């Protein structure tokens, strides 16, 4: 025998074994493949719709006498199982999509509230009556005309709101008499 022919035969045998064993390897792996995991909701809906149509056609064929009474229950049960699985996958994908939307909304709201808190604690004052921003040295609100009452922390001297119980700058309690603008200047 020719050794070259034996080597080619072994290579062909090995390749054909891998080709034949490929479906068995994917069945043995219960983890979803990337292709299955990346199905979008449209393809899941299409899969579910196809199973429902197949179930309807099976019922029609059974009533028309094309499918025997022995085969019908088994086929119907497998189609119902497929329909349940596709419906479950569809609900899971919509739940995951909804959770992503909720998380995005929460992040958006937290970033907006963080930026509002940063503006309020960075020394910009707001009117107690209309909540419009005030200039640093304003004595009256430009929108509503309310007199601006300023208070300062007795510990660090930073401006606070008159009804604050704790200083937003140092965090200490402002239970002591709060220095007004006139008392701090002296």
N, C-alpha and C. Protein backbone atom coordinates (compact mmCIF):
# COMPACT_ATOMS: atom_id res chain seq x y z
N UNK A 1 0.82 -1.19 0.00
CA UNK A 1 0.00 0.00 0.00
C UNK A 1 0.86 1.25 0.00
N UNK A 2 0.30 2.24 -0.55
CA UNK A 2 0.95 3.53 -0.63
C UNK A 2 0.76 4.29 0.69
N UNK A 3 1.85 4.74 1.33
CA UNK A 3 1.71 5.45 2.62
C UNK A 3 0.98 6.78 2.46
N UNK A 4 1.11 7.40 1.31
CA UNK A 4 0.42 8.67 1.07
C UNK A 4 -1.10 8.46 1.07
N UNK A 5 -1.58 7.38 0.52
CA UNK A 5 -3.01 7.08 0.47
C UNK A 5 -3.53 6.78 1.87
N UNK A 6 -2.72 6.14 2.71
CA UNK A 6 -3.14 5.84 4.09
C UNK A 6 -3.28 7.14 4.88
N UNK A 7 -2.36 8.07 4.73
CA UNK A 7 -2.41 9.35 5.45
C UNK A 7 -3.65 10.15 5.02
N UNK A 8 -3.91 10.20 3.74
CA UNK A 8 -5.10 10.90 3.23
C UNK A 8 -6.37 10.24 3.77
N UNK A 9 -6.41 8.94 3.82
CA UNK A 9 -7.57 8.22 4.35
C UNK A 9 -7.80 8.53 5.83
N UNK A 10 -6.74 8.61 6.60
CA UNK A 10 -6.87 8.92 8.04
C UNK A 10 -7.38 10.34 8.23
N UNK A 11 -6.87 11.27 7.42
CA UNK A 11 -7.32 12.65 7.52
C UNK A 11 -8.80 12.76 7.16
N UNK A 12 -9.23 12.09 6.10
CA UNK A 12 -10.63 12.11 5.72
C UNK A 12 -11.52 11.46 6.79
N UNK A 13 -11.05 10.36 7.38
CA UNK A 13 -11.80 9.69 8.43
C UNK A 13 -11.97 10.61 9.65
N UNK A 14 -10.92 11.28 10.06
CA UNK A 14 -10.97 12.18 11.21
C UNK A 14 -11.91 13.35 10.94
N UNK A 15 -11.82 13.93 9.76
CA UNK A 15 -12.70 15.04 9.40
C UNK A 15 -14.15 14.63 9.37
N UNK A 16 -14.43 13.46 8.83
CA UNK A 16 -15.82 13.01 8.77
C UNK A 16 -16.36 12.70 10.16
N UNK A 17 -15.52 12.20 11.05
CA UNK A 17 -15.97 11.95 12.43
C UNK A 17 -16.35 13.25 13.14
N UNK A 18 -15.54 14.30 12.95
CA UNK A 18 -15.87 15.60 13.54
C UNK A 18 -17.16 16.15 12.94
N UNK A 19 -17.34 15.96 11.64
CA UNK A 19 -18.55 16.46 10.98
C UNK A 19 -19.80 15.73 11.48
N UNK A 20 -19.70 14.43 11.64
CA UNK A 20 -20.84 13.64 12.10
C UNK A 20 -21.13 13.90 13.58
N UNK A 21 -20.11 14.14 14.39
CA UNK A 21 -20.29 14.34 15.83
C UNK A 21 -20.71 15.76 16.19
N UNK A 22 -20.67 16.70 15.27
CA UNK A 22 -21.00 18.10 15.57
C UNK A 22 -22.41 18.28 16.15
N UNK A 23 -23.46 17.67 15.61
CA UNK A 23 -24.78 17.86 16.21
C UNK A 23 -24.87 17.28 17.63
N UNK A 24 -24.16 16.22 17.89
CA UNK A 24 -24.21 15.62 19.22
C UNK A 24 -23.50 16.49 20.25
N UNK A 25 -22.47 17.19 19.84
CA UNK A 25 -21.77 18.08 20.77
C UNK A 25 -22.65 19.27 21.14
N UNK A 26 -23.44 19.81 20.22
CA UNK A 26 -24.30 20.95 20.55
C UNK A 26 -25.47 20.51 21.42
N UNK A 27 -25.94 19.26 21.29
CA UNK A 27 -27.02 18.77 22.15
C UNK A 27 -26.52 18.54 23.56
N UNK A 28 -25.27 18.11 23.69
CA UNK A 28 -24.72 17.83 25.00
C UNK A 28 -24.49 19.11 25.79
N UNK A 29 -24.34 20.25 25.13
CA UNK A 29 -24.10 21.51 25.80
C UNK A 29 -25.42 22.22 26.05
N UNK A 30 -25.94 22.20 27.29
CA UNK A 30 -27.24 22.81 27.55
C UNK A 30 -27.18 24.33 27.60
N UNK A 31 -25.99 24.91 27.69
CA UNK A 31 -25.86 26.36 27.74
C UNK A 31 -26.23 26.93 26.38
N UNK A 32 -26.97 28.04 26.40
CA UNK A 32 -27.37 28.66 25.14
C UNK A 32 -26.15 29.16 24.39
N UNK A 33 -26.16 28.94 23.11
CA UNK A 33 -25.07 29.45 22.30
C UNK A 33 -25.24 30.95 22.11
N UNK A 34 -24.20 31.61 21.60
CA UNK A 34 -24.28 33.05 21.40
C UNK A 34 -25.38 33.41 20.42
N UNK A 35 -25.58 32.56 19.44
CA UNK A 35 -26.61 32.84 18.44
C UNK A 35 -27.99 32.81 19.09
N UNK A 36 -28.23 31.84 19.97
CA UNK A 36 -29.52 31.75 20.65
C UNK A 36 -29.69 32.90 21.63
N UNK A 37 -28.64 33.28 22.32
CA UNK A 37 -28.73 34.35 23.32
C UNK A 37 -28.94 35.71 22.68
N UNK A 38 -28.51 35.87 21.44
CA UNK A 38 -28.60 37.18 20.81
C UNK A 38 -29.88 37.37 20.01
N UNK A 39 -30.82 36.44 20.13
CA UNK A 39 -32.07 36.61 19.39
C UNK A 39 -32.80 37.84 19.92
N UNK A 40 -33.26 38.65 19.02
CA UNK A 40 -34.00 39.82 19.45
C UNK A 40 -35.48 39.48 19.56
N UNK A 41 -36.24 40.42 20.04
CA UNK A 41 -37.65 40.14 20.30
C UNK A 41 -38.42 39.85 19.01
N UNK A 42 -38.01 40.44 17.89
CA UNK A 42 -38.72 40.18 16.64
C UNK A 42 -38.55 38.73 16.19
N UNK A 43 -37.35 38.19 16.30
CA UNK A 43 -37.14 36.81 15.90
C UNK A 43 -37.83 35.86 16.88
N UNK A 44 -37.87 36.23 18.18
CA UNK A 44 -38.58 35.39 19.14
C UNK A 44 -40.08 35.38 18.84
N UNK A 45 -40.61 36.53 18.48
CA UNK A 45 -42.03 36.59 18.12
C UNK A 45 -42.30 35.77 16.86
N UNK A 46 -41.39 35.83 15.91
CA UNK A 46 -41.56 35.06 14.67
C UNK A 46 -41.51 33.56 14.97
N UNK A 47 -40.59 33.14 15.85
CA UNK A 47 -40.51 31.73 16.24
C UNK A 47 -41.80 31.27 16.92
N UNK A 48 -42.29 32.09 17.82
CA UNK A 48 -43.52 31.73 18.55
C UNK A 48 -44.71 31.65 17.58
N UNK A 49 -44.78 32.62 16.67
CA UNK A 49 -45.87 32.62 15.70
C UNK A 49 -45.79 31.38 14.80
N UNK A 50 -44.58 30.96 14.43
CA UNK A 50 -44.43 29.77 13.58
C UNK A 50 -44.89 28.52 14.31
N UNK A 51 -44.60 28.42 15.59
CA UNK A 51 -45.04 27.26 16.36
C UNK A 51 -46.56 27.25 16.49
N UNK A 52 -47.16 28.40 16.70
CA UNK A 52 -48.62 28.48 16.81
C UNK A 52 -49.28 28.09 15.49
N UNK A 53 -48.71 28.54 14.38
CA UNK A 53 -49.25 28.17 13.06
C UNK A 53 -49.10 26.67 12.82
N UNK A 54 -47.96 26.11 13.22
CA UNK A 54 -47.77 24.66 13.06
C UNK A 54 -48.78 23.89 13.90
N UNK A 55 -49.08 24.39 15.07
CA UNK A 55 -50.08 23.74 15.93
C UNK A 55 -51.47 23.82 15.30
N UNK A 56 -51.80 24.96 14.72
CA UNK A 56 -53.09 25.11 14.04
C UNK A 56 -53.19 24.17 12.84
N UNK A 57 -52.09 24.08 12.07
CA UNK A 57 -52.08 23.18 10.91
C UNK A 57 -52.19 21.72 11.34
N UNK A 58 -51.56 21.37 12.45
CA UNK A 58 -51.66 20.00 12.95
C UNK A 58 -53.10 19.66 13.31
N UNK A 59 -53.77 20.57 14.00
CA UNK A 59 -55.16 20.33 14.35
C UNK A 59 -56.04 20.18 13.10
N UNK A 60 -55.79 21.01 12.10
CA UNK A 60 -56.55 20.93 10.86
C UNK A 60 -56.31 19.59 10.16
N UNK A 61 -55.03 19.18 10.11
CA UNK A 61 -54.70 17.92 9.46
C UNK A 61 -55.30 16.73 10.21
N UNK A 62 -55.37 16.81 11.52
CA UNK A 62 -55.96 15.73 12.31
C UNK A 62 -57.46 15.62 12.02
N UNK A 63 -58.14 16.79 11.98
CA UNK A 63 -59.57 16.77 11.69
C UNK A 63 -59.85 16.31 10.25
N UNK A 64 -58.91 16.56 9.34
CA UNK A 64 -59.08 16.15 7.94
C UNK A 64 -58.74 14.68 7.75
N UNK A 65 -58.17 14.04 8.77
CA UNK A 65 -57.86 12.63 8.68
C UNK A 65 -56.48 12.34 8.12
N UNK A 66 -55.63 13.33 8.00
CA UNK A 66 -54.29 13.13 7.46
C UNK A 66 -53.33 12.59 8.51
N UNK A 67 -53.63 12.76 9.79
CA UNK A 67 -52.76 12.29 10.87
C UNK A 67 -53.54 11.28 11.70
N UNK A 68 -52.88 10.19 12.03
CA UNK A 68 -53.55 9.11 12.78
C UNK A 68 -53.75 9.52 14.24
N UNK A 69 -54.66 8.80 14.90
CA UNK A 69 -54.96 9.08 16.30
C UNK A 69 -53.80 8.72 17.21
N UNK A 70 -52.94 7.80 16.80
CA UNK A 70 -51.78 7.41 17.61
C UNK A 70 -50.69 8.48 17.58
N UNK A 71 -50.51 9.11 16.42
CA UNK A 71 -49.44 10.10 16.26
C UNK A 71 -49.83 11.48 16.79
N UNK A 72 -51.11 11.80 16.73
CA UNK A 72 -51.57 13.15 17.05
C UNK A 72 -51.20 13.62 18.47
N UNK A 73 -51.45 12.85 19.53
CA UNK A 73 -51.15 13.37 20.88
C UNK A 73 -49.67 13.67 21.10
N UNK A 74 -48.79 12.84 20.59
CA UNK A 74 -47.36 13.06 20.77
C UNK A 74 -46.87 14.30 20.04
N UNK A 75 -47.33 14.45 18.80
CA UNK A 75 -46.92 15.62 18.01
C UNK A 75 -47.47 16.89 18.64
N UNK A 76 -48.73 16.83 19.05
CA UNK A 76 -49.37 18.00 19.67
C UNK A 76 -48.65 18.39 20.97
N UNK A 77 -48.28 17.41 21.77
CA UNK A 77 -47.59 17.69 23.03
C UNK A 77 -46.23 18.35 22.77
N UNK A 78 -45.51 17.87 21.76
CA UNK A 78 -44.20 18.48 21.47
C UNK A 78 -44.36 19.91 20.96
N UNK A 79 -45.39 20.15 20.14
CA UNK A 79 -45.62 21.51 19.65
C UNK A 79 -46.05 22.44 20.78
N UNK A 80 -46.88 21.93 21.69
CA UNK A 80 -47.28 22.75 22.84
C UNK A 80 -46.08 23.09 23.72
N UNK A 81 -45.17 22.13 23.88
CA UNK A 81 -43.96 22.38 24.66
C UNK A 81 -43.09 23.45 23.99
N UNK A 82 -42.95 23.35 22.66
CA UNK A 82 -42.19 24.36 21.93
C UNK A 82 -42.84 25.73 22.05
N UNK A 83 -44.18 25.77 21.98
CA UNK A 83 -44.89 27.05 22.10
C UNK A 83 -44.68 27.66 23.49
N UNK A 84 -44.70 26.82 24.52
CA UNK A 84 -44.47 27.31 25.88
C UNK A 84 -43.05 27.84 26.03
N UNK A 85 -42.08 27.15 25.47
CA UNK A 85 -40.69 27.60 25.57
C UNK A 85 -40.46 28.91 24.82
N UNK A 86 -41.04 29.03 23.63
CA UNK A 86 -40.86 30.27 22.88
C UNK A 86 -41.56 31.43 23.58
N UNK A 87 -42.71 31.17 24.19
CA UNK A 87 -43.41 32.21 24.93
C UNK A 87 -42.61 32.63 26.16
N UNK A 88 -42.01 31.66 26.83
CA UNK A 88 -41.18 31.96 28.00
C UNK A 88 -39.97 32.81 27.59
N UNK A 89 -39.30 32.44 26.50
CA UNK A 89 -38.16 33.21 26.00
C UNK A 89 -38.58 34.63 25.62
N UNK A 90 -39.74 34.75 25.01
CA UNK A 90 -40.24 36.06 24.61
C UNK A 90 -40.51 36.93 25.82
N UNK A 91 -41.11 36.37 26.86
CA UNK A 91 -41.39 37.12 28.09
C UNK A 91 -40.10 37.50 28.80
N UNK A 92 -39.11 36.59 28.81
CA UNK A 92 -37.84 36.89 29.46
C UNK A 92 -37.12 38.02 28.74
N UNK A 93 -37.18 38.03 27.41
CA UNK A 93 -36.50 39.10 26.67
C UNK A 93 -37.20 40.43 26.89
N UNK A 94 -38.53 40.42 26.96
CA UNK A 94 -39.23 41.68 27.21
C UNK A 94 -39.00 42.14 28.64
N UNK A 95 -38.91 41.21 29.60
CA UNK A 95 -38.60 41.58 30.98
C UNK A 95 -37.20 42.16 31.08
N UNK A 96 -36.25 41.56 30.39
CA UNK A 96 -34.88 42.07 30.41
C UNK A 96 -34.80 43.45 29.78
N UNK A 97 -35.53 43.64 28.69
CA UNK A 97 -35.55 44.94 28.03
C UNK A 97 -36.18 45.99 28.94
N UNK A 98 -37.25 45.61 29.64
CA UNK A 98 -37.91 46.52 30.57
C UNK A 98 -36.99 46.87 31.73
N UNK A 99 -36.26 45.89 32.25
CA UNK A 99 -35.32 46.15 33.34
C UNK A 99 -34.22 47.11 32.90
N UNK A 100 -33.74 46.96 31.66
CA UNK A 100 -32.73 47.88 31.15
C UNK A 100 -33.27 49.30 31.07
N UNK A 101 -34.53 49.44 30.61
CA UNK A 101 -35.14 50.76 30.54
C UNK A 101 -35.29 51.37 31.93
N UNK A 102 -35.68 50.56 32.91
CA UNK A 102 -35.83 51.05 34.28
C UNK A 102 -34.50 51.50 34.83
N UNK A 103 -33.45 50.70 34.62
CA UNK A 103 -32.13 51.07 35.11
C UNK A 103 -31.64 52.36 34.45
N UNK A 104 -31.88 52.51 33.16
CA UNK A 104 -31.46 53.73 32.46
C UNK A 104 -32.20 54.94 33.01
N UNK A 105 -33.48 54.77 33.28
CA UNK A 105 -34.29 55.87 33.85
C UNK A 105 -33.80 56.23 35.25
N UNK A 106 -33.49 55.24 36.07
CA UNK A 106 -32.98 55.51 37.41
C UNK A 106 -31.64 56.23 37.36
N UNK A 107 -30.77 55.82 36.46
CA UNK A 107 -29.48 56.49 36.33
C UNK A 107 -29.66 57.93 35.87
N UNK A 108 -30.61 58.13 34.95
CA UNK A 108 -30.87 59.47 34.45
C UNK A 108 -31.40 60.35 35.58
N UNK A 109 -32.33 59.84 36.38
CA UNK A 109 -32.88 60.61 37.48
C UNK A 109 -31.84 60.88 38.55
N UNK A 110 -30.99 59.89 38.84
CA UNK A 110 -29.97 60.12 39.86
C UNK A 110 -28.94 61.13 39.39
N UNK A 111 -28.60 61.14 38.10
CA UNK A 111 -27.64 62.13 37.61
C UNK A 111 -28.26 63.52 37.63
N UNK A 112 -29.55 63.64 37.35
CA UNK A 112 -30.22 64.94 37.40
C UNK A 112 -30.29 65.43 38.84
N UNK A 113 -30.64 64.55 39.78
CA UNK A 113 -30.73 64.96 41.18
C UNK A 113 -29.35 65.28 41.74
N UNK A 114 -28.32 64.53 41.32
CA UNK A 114 -26.96 64.82 41.77
C UNK A 114 -26.50 66.19 41.26
N UNK A 115 -26.84 66.52 40.01
CA UNK A 115 -26.43 67.81 39.48
C UNK A 115 -27.19 68.94 40.17
N UNK A 116 -28.47 68.70 40.53
CA UNK A 116 -29.23 69.72 41.25
C UNK A 116 -28.68 69.92 42.65
N UNK A 117 -28.29 68.82 43.32
CA UNK A 117 -27.69 68.93 44.65
C UNK A 117 -26.35 69.64 44.57
N UNK A 118 -25.58 69.36 43.54
CA UNK A 118 -24.29 70.01 43.37
C UNK A 118 -24.47 71.51 43.19
N UNK A 119 -25.47 71.90 42.42
CA UNK A 119 -25.72 73.32 42.21
C UNK A 119 -26.14 73.99 43.51
N UNK A 120 -27.00 73.32 44.29
CA UNK A 120 -27.48 73.91 45.53
C UNK A 120 -26.39 73.98 46.58
N UNK A 121 -25.49 73.02 46.66
CA UNK A 121 -24.45 73.02 47.67
C UNK A 121 -23.21 73.77 47.23
N UNK A 122 -23.13 74.17 45.98
CA UNK A 122 -21.93 74.86 45.51
C UNK A 122 -21.99 76.35 45.80
N UNK A 123 -22.91 76.79 46.62
CA UNK A 123 -22.96 78.19 46.99
C UNK A 123 -24.03 78.96 46.26
N UNK A 124 -24.67 78.40 45.25
CA UNK A 124 -25.74 79.11 44.58
C UNK A 124 -26.98 79.01 45.45
N UNK A 125 -27.58 80.14 45.72
CA UNK A 125 -28.74 80.19 46.60
C UNK A 125 -30.00 80.22 45.76
N UNK A 126 -31.09 79.75 46.36
CA UNK A 126 -32.39 79.81 45.71
C UNK A 126 -33.36 80.54 46.61
N UNK A 127 -34.34 81.16 46.01
CA UNK A 127 -35.36 81.89 46.75
C UNK A 127 -36.20 80.91 47.55
N UNK A 128 -36.51 81.23 48.79
CA UNK A 128 -37.30 80.36 49.64
C UNK A 128 -38.75 80.29 49.17
N UNK A 129 -39.22 81.32 48.48
CA UNK A 129 -40.62 81.37 48.06
C UNK A 129 -40.83 80.75 46.67
N UNK A 130 -40.04 81.19 45.67
CA UNK A 130 -40.28 80.73 44.29
C UNK A 130 -39.20 79.78 43.76
N UNK A 131 -38.18 79.49 44.53
CA UNK A 131 -37.10 78.56 44.18
C UNK A 131 -36.30 78.97 42.96
N UNK A 132 -36.33 80.23 42.59
CA UNK A 132 -35.51 80.69 41.47
C UNK A 132 -34.10 80.98 41.98
N UNK A 133 -33.09 80.84 41.12
CA UNK A 133 -31.71 81.08 41.56
C UNK A 133 -31.49 82.56 41.91
N UNK A 134 -30.65 82.76 42.90
CA UNK A 134 -30.35 84.11 43.36
C UNK A 134 -28.90 84.45 43.06
N UNK A 135 -28.64 85.71 42.84
CA UNK A 135 -27.26 86.17 42.68
C UNK A 135 -26.57 86.09 44.04
N UNK A 136 -25.25 86.02 44.05
CA UNK A 136 -24.49 85.83 45.28
C UNK A 136 -24.73 86.98 46.26
N UNK A 137 -24.76 88.21 45.77
CA UNK A 137 -24.88 89.35 46.66
C UNK A 137 -26.29 89.96 46.66
N UNK A 138 -27.30 89.23 46.20
CA UNK A 138 -28.66 89.75 46.11
C UNK A 138 -29.29 89.85 47.49
N UNK A 139 -30.04 90.95 47.70
CA UNK A 139 -30.79 91.13 48.94
C UNK A 139 -32.26 90.79 48.74
N UNK A 140 -32.71 90.79 47.47
CA UNK A 140 -34.09 90.48 47.14
C UNK A 140 -34.12 89.56 45.92
N UNK A 141 -35.18 88.75 45.84
CA UNK A 141 -35.37 87.85 44.69
C UNK A 141 -35.78 88.67 43.48
N UNK A 142 -35.17 88.40 42.34
CA UNK A 142 -35.49 89.15 41.13
C UNK A 142 -36.83 88.73 40.55
N UNK A 143 -37.34 87.55 40.86
CA UNK A 143 -38.60 87.07 40.30
C UNK A 143 -39.80 87.52 41.13
N UNK A 144 -39.73 87.28 42.46
CA UNK A 144 -40.90 87.54 43.29
C UNK A 144 -40.72 88.70 44.26
N UNK A 145 -39.50 89.18 44.45
CA UNK A 145 -39.26 90.34 45.31
C UNK A 145 -39.13 90.01 46.78
N UNK A 146 -39.09 88.74 47.13
CA UNK A 146 -38.96 88.34 48.53
C UNK A 146 -37.57 88.69 49.04
N UNK A 147 -37.51 89.20 50.28
CA UNK A 147 -36.22 89.53 50.88
C UNK A 147 -35.43 88.25 51.11
N UNK A 148 -34.15 88.31 50.82
CA UNK A 148 -33.28 87.16 50.96
C UNK A 148 -32.76 87.12 52.39
N UNK A 149 -33.03 86.03 53.08
CA UNK A 149 -32.48 85.86 54.43
C UNK A 149 -31.35 84.86 54.33
N UNK A 150 -30.19 85.28 54.76
CA UNK A 150 -29.02 84.43 54.69
C UNK A 150 -28.61 84.03 56.08
N UNK A 151 -28.13 82.80 56.18
CA UNK A 151 -27.61 82.30 57.45
C UNK A 151 -26.26 81.65 57.15
N UNK A 152 -25.42 81.62 58.16
CA UNK A 152 -24.08 81.06 58.00
C UNK A 152 -23.84 80.04 59.09
N UNK A 153 -23.04 79.04 58.78
CA UNK A 153 -22.70 78.00 59.74
C UNK A 153 -21.81 78.59 60.83
N UNK A 154 -22.11 78.30 62.13
CA UNK A 154 -21.27 78.83 63.20
C UNK A 154 -19.90 78.15 63.25
N UNK A 155 -19.74 77.01 62.58
CA UNK A 155 -18.48 76.27 62.64
C UNK A 155 -17.53 76.64 61.51
N UNK A 156 -18.06 76.67 60.28
CA UNK A 156 -17.19 76.92 59.13
C UNK A 156 -17.47 78.24 58.44
N UNK A 157 -18.59 78.89 58.73
CA UNK A 157 -18.90 80.18 58.14
C UNK A 157 -19.47 80.12 56.74
N UNK A 158 -19.75 78.93 56.23
CA UNK A 158 -20.32 78.79 54.88
C UNK A 158 -21.81 79.14 54.93
N UNK A 159 -22.38 79.62 53.80
CA UNK A 159 -23.81 79.96 53.80
C UNK A 159 -24.68 78.72 53.91
N UNK A 160 -25.75 78.83 54.69
CA UNK A 160 -26.74 77.76 54.85
C UNK A 160 -28.13 78.36 54.65
N UNK A 161 -29.10 77.50 54.49
CA UNK A 161 -30.48 77.94 54.43
C UNK A 161 -30.96 78.18 55.86
N UNK A 162 -31.91 79.08 56.07
CA UNK A 162 -32.34 79.38 57.44
C UNK A 162 -32.93 78.18 58.18
N UNK A 163 -33.55 77.25 57.46
CA UNK A 163 -34.17 76.11 58.13
C UNK A 163 -33.29 74.86 58.17
N UNK A 164 -32.03 74.97 57.76
CA UNK A 164 -31.11 73.83 57.80
C UNK A 164 -30.76 73.48 59.24
N UNK A 165 -30.79 72.20 59.57
CA UNK A 165 -30.38 71.74 60.89
C UNK A 165 -28.91 71.34 60.89
N UNK A 166 -28.37 71.03 59.71
CA UNK A 166 -26.97 70.66 59.57
C UNK A 166 -26.36 71.46 58.43
N UNK A 167 -25.10 71.80 58.56
CA UNK A 167 -24.39 72.56 57.53
C UNK A 167 -24.12 71.66 56.33
N UNK A 168 -24.46 72.12 55.11
CA UNK A 168 -24.17 71.28 53.94
C UNK A 168 -22.68 71.22 53.62
N UNK A 169 -21.89 72.13 54.15
CA UNK A 169 -20.46 72.13 53.85
C UNK A 169 -19.67 71.25 54.82
N UNK A 170 -19.88 71.45 56.13
CA UNK A 170 -19.08 70.69 57.11
C UNK A 170 -19.86 69.56 57.77
N UNK A 171 -21.18 69.60 57.70
CA UNK A 171 -22.00 68.51 58.25
C UNK A 171 -22.28 68.62 59.73
N UNK A 172 -21.83 69.66 60.37
CA UNK A 172 -22.07 69.82 61.81
C UNK A 172 -23.45 70.42 62.04
N UNK A 173 -23.98 70.16 63.23
CA UNK A 173 -25.31 70.66 63.58
C UNK A 173 -25.27 72.18 63.71
N UNK A 174 -26.33 72.81 63.23
CA UNK A 174 -26.43 74.27 63.33
C UNK A 174 -27.45 74.63 64.41
N UNK A 175 -27.46 73.88 65.53
CA UNK A 175 -28.42 74.13 66.60
C UNK A 175 -28.08 75.38 67.39
N UNK A 176 -26.83 75.83 67.32
CA UNK A 176 -26.46 77.09 67.96
C UNK A 176 -27.10 78.22 67.17
N UNK A 177 -27.19 79.38 67.77
CA UNK A 177 -27.77 80.50 67.01
C UNK A 177 -26.99 80.73 65.73
N UNK A 178 -27.71 80.77 64.63
CA UNK A 178 -27.08 80.93 63.33
C UNK A 178 -26.70 82.38 63.15
N UNK A 179 -25.48 82.60 62.71
CA UNK A 179 -25.01 83.97 62.48
C UNK A 179 -25.73 84.55 61.27
N UNK A 180 -26.26 85.72 61.43
CA UNK A 180 -26.88 86.37 60.28
C UNK A 180 -25.79 87.09 59.51
N UNK A 181 -26.17 87.70 58.42
CA UNK A 181 -25.21 88.38 57.58
C UNK A 181 -24.59 89.56 58.32
N UNK A 182 -25.38 90.25 59.12
CA UNK A 182 -24.88 91.41 59.85
C UNK A 182 -23.93 91.00 60.97
N UNK A 183 -24.23 89.89 61.70
CA UNK A 183 -23.40 89.46 62.82
C UNK A 183 -22.06 88.93 62.33
N UNK A 184 -22.02 88.32 61.17
CA UNK A 184 -20.78 87.75 60.66
C UNK A 184 -19.82 88.85 60.22
N UNK A 185 -20.36 89.95 59.73
CA UNK A 185 -19.51 91.01 59.25
C UNK A 185 -18.75 91.68 60.38
N UNK A 186 -19.26 91.67 61.61
CA UNK A 186 -18.59 92.34 62.72
C UNK A 186 -17.56 91.53 63.41
